[in-house]
Amino acid sequence: MTTAPRADPEFQRSSILYEFLRGKSEFKTYLSFCEVMGEDTMEYREFDYWFTRFSNGNFGLVDEENAVRSIRYFMDLPVEIIGRIVDFVTWKDVVSLRQVCHDLRSLILNMQFSYKDASIMIEKTSTTVTIGEHS
């Protein structure tokens, strides 16, 4: 008995390639892929691997070395290491990092930051916040 097309990895990859070649963005392609194939068909990490691979001009559908499993992301690092990295960022970076992903937001919300000085200047047409270095 043959595998149903939706369950066939090469069929899934060819669907991603087709949408990529049509010029759709990665996010729109992922949304339509999940809508058609089902949300639990492929993790975003694997989808991102294939979309990026096609973006780099590699259109092969066979994963010879099973490279998808070897992909590492920032959030795969131990929490302690991420915490040490975040210790070196400015307060503006902290605000931006909170918007990257839910896991990073949760981590940053649980961290304590202390700064040497802070000031707020409120004028008629603007407000300026200045926060100094970490203490």
N, C-alpha and C. Protein backbone atom coordinates (compact mmCIF):
# COMPACT_ATOMS: atom_id res chain seq x y z
N MET A 1 0.85 -1.19 0.00
CA MET A 1 0.00 0.00 0.00
C MET A 1 0.89 1.25 0.00
N THR A 2 0.54 2.23 -0.78
CA THR A 2 1.34 3.45 -0.87
C THR A 2 0.99 4.43 0.24
N THR A 3 1.93 5.32 0.51
CA THR A 3 1.72 6.34 1.53
C THR A 3 0.81 7.43 0.98
N ALA A 4 -0.11 7.91 1.82
CA ALA A 4 -0.97 9.02 1.41
C ALA A 4 -0.08 10.22 1.10
N PRO A 5 -0.39 10.97 0.04
CA PRO A 5 0.48 12.09 -0.35
C PRO A 5 0.81 13.05 0.79
N ARG A 6 -0.16 13.35 1.63
CA ARG A 6 0.09 14.31 2.71
C ARG A 6 1.10 13.78 3.72
N ALA A 7 1.20 12.47 3.85
CA ALA A 7 2.14 11.87 4.81
C ALA A 7 3.52 11.63 4.21
N ASP A 8 3.66 11.81 2.91
CA ASP A 8 4.93 11.55 2.23
C ASP A 8 5.85 12.77 2.35
N PRO A 9 7.02 12.62 3.00
CA PRO A 9 7.92 13.76 3.18
C PRO A 9 8.32 14.46 1.88
N GLU A 10 8.56 13.70 0.83
CA GLU A 10 8.95 14.34 -0.44
C GLU A 10 7.79 15.13 -1.03
N PHE A 11 6.56 14.66 -0.86
CA PHE A 11 5.40 15.41 -1.32
C PHE A 11 5.29 16.72 -0.53
N GLN A 12 5.50 16.64 0.78
CA GLN A 12 5.44 17.84 1.62
C GLN A 12 6.49 18.85 1.16
N ARG A 13 7.71 18.37 0.93
CA ARG A 13 8.79 19.25 0.51
C ARG A 13 8.52 19.86 -0.87
N SER A 14 7.94 19.06 -1.76
CA SER A 14 7.63 19.59 -3.09
C SER A 14 6.55 20.66 -3.00
N SER A 15 5.64 20.53 -2.04
CA SER A 15 4.61 21.55 -1.82
C SER A 15 5.25 22.86 -1.36
N ILE A 16 6.23 22.74 -0.46
CA ILE A 16 6.94 23.94 0.02
C ILE A 16 7.71 24.57 -1.14
N LEU A 17 8.38 23.74 -1.92
CA LEU A 17 9.15 24.24 -3.07
C LEU A 17 8.23 24.94 -4.07
N TYR A 18 7.07 24.36 -4.34
CA TYR A 18 6.11 24.96 -5.27
C TYR A 18 5.72 26.37 -4.81
N GLU A 19 5.37 26.50 -3.54
CA GLU A 19 4.97 27.81 -3.01
C GLU A 19 6.15 28.78 -3.02
N PHE A 20 7.34 28.27 -2.72
CA PHE A 20 8.54 29.12 -2.76
C PHE A 20 8.75 29.67 -4.18
N LEU A 21 8.65 28.79 -5.16
CA LEU A 21 8.86 29.20 -6.55
C LEU A 21 7.80 30.19 -7.03
N ARG A 22 6.64 30.16 -6.40
CA ARG A 22 5.59 31.14 -6.73
C ARG A 22 5.88 32.49 -6.11
N GLY A 23 6.89 32.56 -5.24
CA GLY A 23 7.28 33.84 -4.64
C GLY A 23 6.59 34.18 -3.35
N LYS A 24 5.91 33.22 -2.75
CA LYS A 24 5.23 33.50 -1.48
C LYS A 24 6.25 33.63 -0.36
N SER A 25 5.92 34.43 0.63
CA SER A 25 6.81 34.59 1.79
C SER A 25 6.80 33.30 2.61
N GLU A 26 7.82 33.15 3.43
CA GLU A 26 7.92 31.95 4.26
C GLU A 26 6.71 31.82 5.19
N PHE A 27 6.34 32.91 5.83
CA PHE A 27 5.24 32.84 6.79
C PHE A 27 3.92 32.49 6.10
N LYS A 28 3.63 33.14 4.97
CA LYS A 28 2.39 32.83 4.24
C LYS A 28 2.40 31.40 3.74
N THR A 29 3.56 30.94 3.29
CA THR A 29 3.67 29.56 2.82
C THR A 29 3.41 28.60 3.97
N TYR A 30 3.96 28.89 5.14
CA TYR A 30 3.76 28.01 6.30
C TYR A 30 2.28 27.97 6.70
N LEU A 31 1.64 29.12 6.71
CA LEU A 31 0.22 29.16 7.07
C LEU A 31 -0.62 28.33 6.11
N SER A 32 -0.39 28.48 4.81
CA SER A 32 -1.18 27.72 3.84
C SER A 32 -0.80 26.24 3.88
N PHE A 33 0.46 25.93 4.13
CA PHE A 33 0.90 24.54 4.26
C PHE A 33 0.15 23.86 5.41
N CYS A 34 0.09 24.52 6.57
CA CYS A 34 -0.60 23.96 7.74
C CYS A 34 -2.10 23.82 7.48
N GLU A 35 -2.66 24.78 6.77
CA GLU A 35 -4.09 24.74 6.47
C GLU A 35 -4.43 23.53 5.59
N VAL A 36 -3.60 23.27 4.60
CA VAL A 36 -3.85 22.17 3.67
C VAL A 36 -3.42 20.82 4.23
N MET A 37 -2.23 20.77 4.79
CA MET A 37 -1.65 19.49 5.24
C MET A 37 -2.02 19.12 6.67
N GLY A 38 -2.39 20.12 7.46
CA GLY A 38 -2.66 19.88 8.88
C GLY A 38 -1.55 20.48 9.72
N GLU A 39 -1.93 21.07 10.85
CA GLU A 39 -0.95 21.77 11.67
C GLU A 39 0.11 20.87 12.28
N ASP A 40 -0.20 19.60 12.44
CA ASP A 40 0.76 18.69 13.07
C ASP A 40 1.58 17.89 12.06
N THR A 41 1.50 18.26 10.79
CA THR A 41 2.20 17.53 9.74
C THR A 41 3.71 17.72 9.82
N MET A 42 4.15 18.96 10.06
CA MET A 42 5.58 19.26 10.08
C MET A 42 5.84 20.38 11.08
N GLU A 43 6.85 20.21 11.92
CA GLU A 43 7.22 21.27 12.85
C GLU A 43 7.75 22.46 12.07
N TYR A 44 7.57 23.65 12.63
CA TYR A 44 8.06 24.85 11.95
C TYR A 44 9.56 24.78 11.70
N ARG A 45 10.29 24.21 12.63
CA ARG A 45 11.74 24.10 12.50
C ARG A 45 12.12 23.38 11.19
N GLU A 46 11.44 22.28 10.91
CA GLU A 46 11.73 21.53 9.68
C GLU A 46 11.28 22.33 8.46
N PHE A 47 10.09 22.94 8.56
CA PHE A 47 9.60 23.78 7.46
C PHE A 47 10.60 24.89 7.14
N ASP A 48 11.08 25.56 8.18
CA ASP A 48 12.05 26.64 8.02
C ASP A 48 13.32 26.12 7.34
N TYR A 49 13.77 24.93 7.73
CA TYR A 49 14.96 24.33 7.11
C TYR A 49 14.77 24.20 5.61
N TRP A 50 13.63 23.63 5.19
CA TRP A 50 13.41 23.39 3.76
C TRP A 50 13.22 24.69 3.00
N PHE A 51 12.47 25.63 3.56
CA PHE A 51 12.24 26.90 2.88
C PHE A 51 13.57 27.64 2.69
N THR A 52 14.39 27.65 3.73
CA THR A 52 15.69 28.31 3.65
C THR A 52 16.59 27.60 2.65
N ARG A 53 16.55 26.29 2.65
CA ARG A 53 17.34 25.51 1.70
C ARG A 53 16.98 25.88 0.26
N PHE A 54 15.66 25.97 -0.02
CA PHE A 54 15.22 26.35 -1.36
C PHE A 54 15.63 27.80 -1.67
N SER A 55 15.55 28.67 -0.67
CA SER A 55 15.96 30.07 -0.85
C SER A 55 17.43 30.18 -1.23
N ASN A 56 18.23 29.23 -0.75
CA ASN A 56 19.66 29.23 -1.04
C ASN A 56 20.00 28.52 -2.36
N GLY A 57 18.97 28.13 -3.12
CA GLY A 57 19.20 27.54 -4.43
C GLY A 57 19.36 26.03 -4.44
N ASN A 58 19.18 25.38 -3.31
CA ASN A 58 19.28 23.92 -3.24
C ASN A 58 17.86 23.37 -3.34
N PHE A 59 17.49 22.84 -4.50
CA PHE A 59 16.12 22.41 -4.74
C PHE A 59 15.92 20.90 -4.62
N GLY A 60 16.92 20.19 -4.13
CA GLY A 60 16.78 18.75 -3.93
C GLY A 60 15.76 18.46 -2.83
N LEU A 61 14.97 17.42 -3.02
CA LEU A 61 13.91 17.08 -2.06
C LEU A 61 14.33 15.98 -1.09
N VAL A 62 15.50 15.41 -1.30
CA VAL A 62 15.96 14.32 -0.44
C VAL A 62 16.95 14.88 0.58
N ASP A 63 16.74 14.54 1.83
CA ASP A 63 17.61 14.99 2.91
C ASP A 63 18.64 13.90 3.18
N GLU A 64 19.73 13.93 2.41
CA GLU A 64 20.72 12.86 2.46
C GLU A 64 21.31 12.65 3.84
N GLU A 65 21.61 13.70 4.54
CA GLU A 65 22.31 13.59 5.82
C GLU A 65 21.39 13.82 7.01
N ASN A 66 20.11 13.86 6.77
CA ASN A 66 19.15 14.14 7.84
C ASN A 66 19.52 15.42 8.58
N ALA A 67 19.81 16.45 7.81
CA ALA A 67 20.30 17.71 8.37
C ALA A 67 19.27 18.41 9.25
N VAL A 68 17.99 18.14 9.04
CA VAL A 68 16.95 18.81 9.81
C VAL A 68 17.15 18.56 11.30
N ARG A 69 17.53 17.37 11.66
CA ARG A 69 17.70 17.04 13.07
C ARG A 69 18.93 17.70 13.69
N SER A 70 19.86 18.15 12.85
CA SER A 70 21.07 18.77 13.38
C SER A 70 20.96 20.28 13.51
N ILE A 71 19.82 20.85 13.16
CA ILE A 71 19.63 22.30 13.26
C ILE A 71 19.57 22.69 14.73
N ARG A 72 20.28 23.74 15.08
CA ARG A 72 20.26 24.25 16.45
C ARG A 72 19.77 25.69 16.41
N TYR A 73 18.95 26.03 17.37
CA TYR A 73 18.42 27.38 17.48
C TYR A 73 18.87 28.00 18.79
N PHE A 74 18.80 29.30 18.85
CA PHE A 74 19.20 30.04 20.04
C PHE A 74 18.49 29.51 21.28
N MET A 75 17.20 29.25 21.17
CA MET A 75 16.43 28.80 22.33
C MET A 75 16.76 27.36 22.73
N ASP A 76 17.58 26.66 21.95
CA ASP A 76 18.04 25.32 22.34
C ASP A 76 19.15 25.40 23.38
N LEU A 77 19.75 26.58 23.54
CA LEU A 77 20.81 26.74 24.53
C LEU A 77 20.23 26.60 25.93
N PRO A 78 21.04 26.15 26.88
CA PRO A 78 20.56 26.09 28.27
C PRO A 78 20.17 27.49 28.76
N VAL A 79 19.18 27.54 29.63
CA VAL A 79 18.66 28.81 30.15
C VAL A 79 19.78 29.64 30.79
N GLU A 80 20.70 28.98 31.48
CA GLU A 80 21.79 29.70 32.14
C GLU A 80 22.66 30.44 31.12
N ILE A 81 22.92 29.81 29.99
CA ILE A 81 23.74 30.43 28.95
C ILE A 81 23.01 31.62 28.33
N ILE A 82 21.73 31.44 28.04
CA ILE A 82 20.94 32.55 27.48
C ILE A 82 20.93 33.70 28.47
N GLY A 83 20.77 33.40 29.75
CA GLY A 83 20.78 34.43 30.79
C GLY A 83 22.09 35.20 30.81
N ARG A 84 23.20 34.49 30.65
CA ARG A 84 24.51 35.16 30.64
C ARG A 84 24.65 36.06 29.42
N ILE A 85 24.10 35.65 28.30
CA ILE A 85 24.14 36.48 27.09
C ILE A 85 23.29 37.73 27.28
N VAL A 86 22.10 37.55 27.81
CA VAL A 86 21.17 38.67 28.01
C VAL A 86 21.74 39.68 29.00
N ASP A 87 22.59 39.23 29.93
CA ASP A 87 23.21 40.14 30.89
C ASP A 87 24.03 41.24 30.21
N PHE A 88 24.47 41.02 28.99
CA PHE A 88 25.33 41.97 28.31
C PHE A 88 24.58 42.92 27.37
N VAL A 89 23.27 42.80 27.29
CA VAL A 89 22.53 43.65 26.36
C VAL A 89 22.04 44.91 27.06
N THR A 90 21.77 45.94 26.27
CA THR A 90 21.25 47.19 26.81
C THR A 90 19.76 47.05 27.08
N TRP A 91 19.20 48.01 27.77
CA TRP A 91 17.76 47.94 28.07
C TRP A 91 16.93 48.01 26.80
N LYS A 92 17.43 48.74 25.78
CA LYS A 92 16.70 48.78 24.50
C LYS A 92 16.68 47.40 23.86
N ASP A 93 17.81 46.68 23.97
CA ASP A 93 17.87 45.32 23.43
C ASP A 93 16.91 44.40 24.18
N VAL A 94 16.81 44.58 25.49
CA VAL A 94 15.90 43.76 26.29
C VAL A 94 14.47 43.95 25.81
N VAL A 95 14.09 45.19 25.56
CA VAL A 95 12.74 45.47 25.08
C VAL A 95 12.51 44.78 23.73
N SER A 96 13.49 44.84 22.85
CA SER A 96 13.37 44.18 21.54
C SER A 96 13.34 42.67 21.68
N LEU A 97 14.20 42.12 22.53
CA LEU A 97 14.27 40.66 22.70
C LEU A 97 12.95 40.09 23.20
N ARG A 98 12.24 40.86 24.00
CA ARG A 98 10.95 40.38 24.52
C ARG A 98 9.96 40.10 23.40
N GLN A 99 10.17 40.74 22.26
CA GLN A 99 9.23 40.59 21.14
C GLN A 99 9.63 39.49 20.17
N VAL A 100 10.76 38.82 20.42
CA VAL A 100 11.25 37.81 19.49
C VAL A 100 10.40 36.55 19.53
N CYS A 101 10.21 35.98 20.70
CA CYS A 101 9.40 34.78 20.81
C CYS A 101 8.89 34.63 22.24
N HIS A 102 7.90 33.79 22.41
CA HIS A 102 7.26 33.61 23.71
C HIS A 102 8.25 33.09 24.75
N ASP A 103 9.08 32.12 24.38
CA ASP A 103 10.03 31.55 25.34
C ASP A 103 11.04 32.58 25.82
N LEU A 104 11.53 33.39 24.90
CA LEU A 104 12.50 34.42 25.27
C LEU A 104 11.84 35.49 26.13
N ARG A 105 10.60 35.83 25.81
CA ARG A 105 9.86 36.80 26.63
C ARG A 105 9.72 36.29 28.05
N SER A 106 9.33 35.03 28.20
CA SER A 106 9.17 34.45 29.54
C SER A 106 10.48 34.48 30.31
N LEU A 107 11.56 34.14 29.64
CA LEU A 107 12.87 34.14 30.28
C LEU A 107 13.24 35.54 30.75
N ILE A 108 13.06 36.53 29.90
CA ILE A 108 13.44 37.90 30.24
C ILE A 108 12.55 38.46 31.35
N LEU A 109 11.28 38.12 31.33
CA LEU A 109 10.38 38.60 32.38
C LEU A 109 10.78 38.06 33.75
N ASN A 110 11.41 36.89 33.78
CA ASN A 110 11.83 36.28 35.04
C ASN A 110 13.22 36.72 35.49
N MET A 111 13.90 37.49 34.67
CA MET A 111 15.23 37.98 35.03
C MET A 111 15.10 39.31 35.76
N GLN A 112 16.09 39.61 36.58
CA GLN A 112 16.11 40.89 37.28
C GLN A 112 17.24 41.73 36.70
N PHE A 113 16.90 42.93 36.31
CA PHE A 113 17.89 43.85 35.76
C PHE A 113 18.03 45.02 36.72
N SER A 114 19.25 45.45 36.93
CA SER A 114 19.47 46.66 37.73
C SER A 114 20.40 47.58 36.94
N TYR A 115 20.13 48.85 37.04
CA TYR A 115 20.90 49.85 36.29
C TYR A 115 21.43 50.89 37.26
N LYS A 116 22.55 51.51 36.88
CA LYS A 116 23.20 52.49 37.74
C LYS A 116 22.37 53.76 37.87
N ASP A 117 21.74 54.17 36.79
CA ASP A 117 20.94 55.39 36.84
C ASP A 117 19.87 55.37 35.76
N ALA A 118 18.86 56.18 36.01
CA ALA A 118 17.77 56.33 35.05
C ALA A 118 17.20 57.73 35.18
N SER A 119 16.75 58.29 34.07
CA SER A 119 16.11 59.60 34.13
C SER A 119 14.98 59.67 33.11
N ILE A 120 14.00 60.46 33.45
CA ILE A 120 12.87 60.70 32.55
C ILE A 120 12.72 62.21 32.40
N MET A 121 12.71 62.68 31.16
CA MET A 121 12.52 64.09 30.90
C MET A 121 11.21 64.25 30.13
N ILE A 122 10.27 64.94 30.75
CA ILE A 122 8.97 65.16 30.12
C ILE A 122 8.88 66.62 29.69
N GLU A 123 8.70 66.80 28.40
CA GLU A 123 8.57 68.15 27.84
C GLU A 123 7.18 68.29 27.24
N LYS A 124 6.90 69.46 26.72
CA LYS A 124 5.58 69.73 26.18
C LYS A 124 5.23 68.81 25.01
N THR A 125 6.21 68.52 24.13
CA THR A 125 5.91 67.73 22.93
C THR A 125 6.61 66.37 22.89
N SER A 126 7.39 66.05 23.91
CA SER A 126 8.10 64.76 23.88
C SER A 126 8.46 64.29 25.27
N THR A 127 8.79 63.03 25.35
CA THR A 127 9.27 62.43 26.59
C THR A 127 10.52 61.63 26.26
N THR A 128 11.54 61.79 27.08
CA THR A 128 12.79 61.07 26.86
C THR A 128 13.11 60.23 28.09
N VAL A 129 13.40 58.96 27.86
CA VAL A 129 13.81 58.06 28.93
C VAL A 129 15.26 57.68 28.68
N THR A 130 16.08 57.86 29.70
CA THR A 130 17.49 57.49 29.61
C THR A 130 17.79 56.51 30.73
N ILE A 131 18.34 55.37 30.35
CA ILE A 131 18.70 54.36 31.34
C ILE A 131 20.18 54.06 31.16
N GLY A 132 20.92 54.10 32.27
CA GLY A 132 22.36 53.89 32.22
C GLY A 132 22.74 52.43 32.08
N GLU A 133 24.00 52.14 32.34
CA GLU A 133 24.54 50.79 32.21
C GLU A 133 24.02 49.87 33.32
N HIS A 134 24.22 48.56 33.08
CA HIS A 134 23.93 47.59 34.13
C HIS A 134 24.82 47.88 35.33
N SER A 135 24.31 47.64 36.52
CA SER A 135 25.17 47.81 37.70
C SER A 135 25.70 46.48 38.16
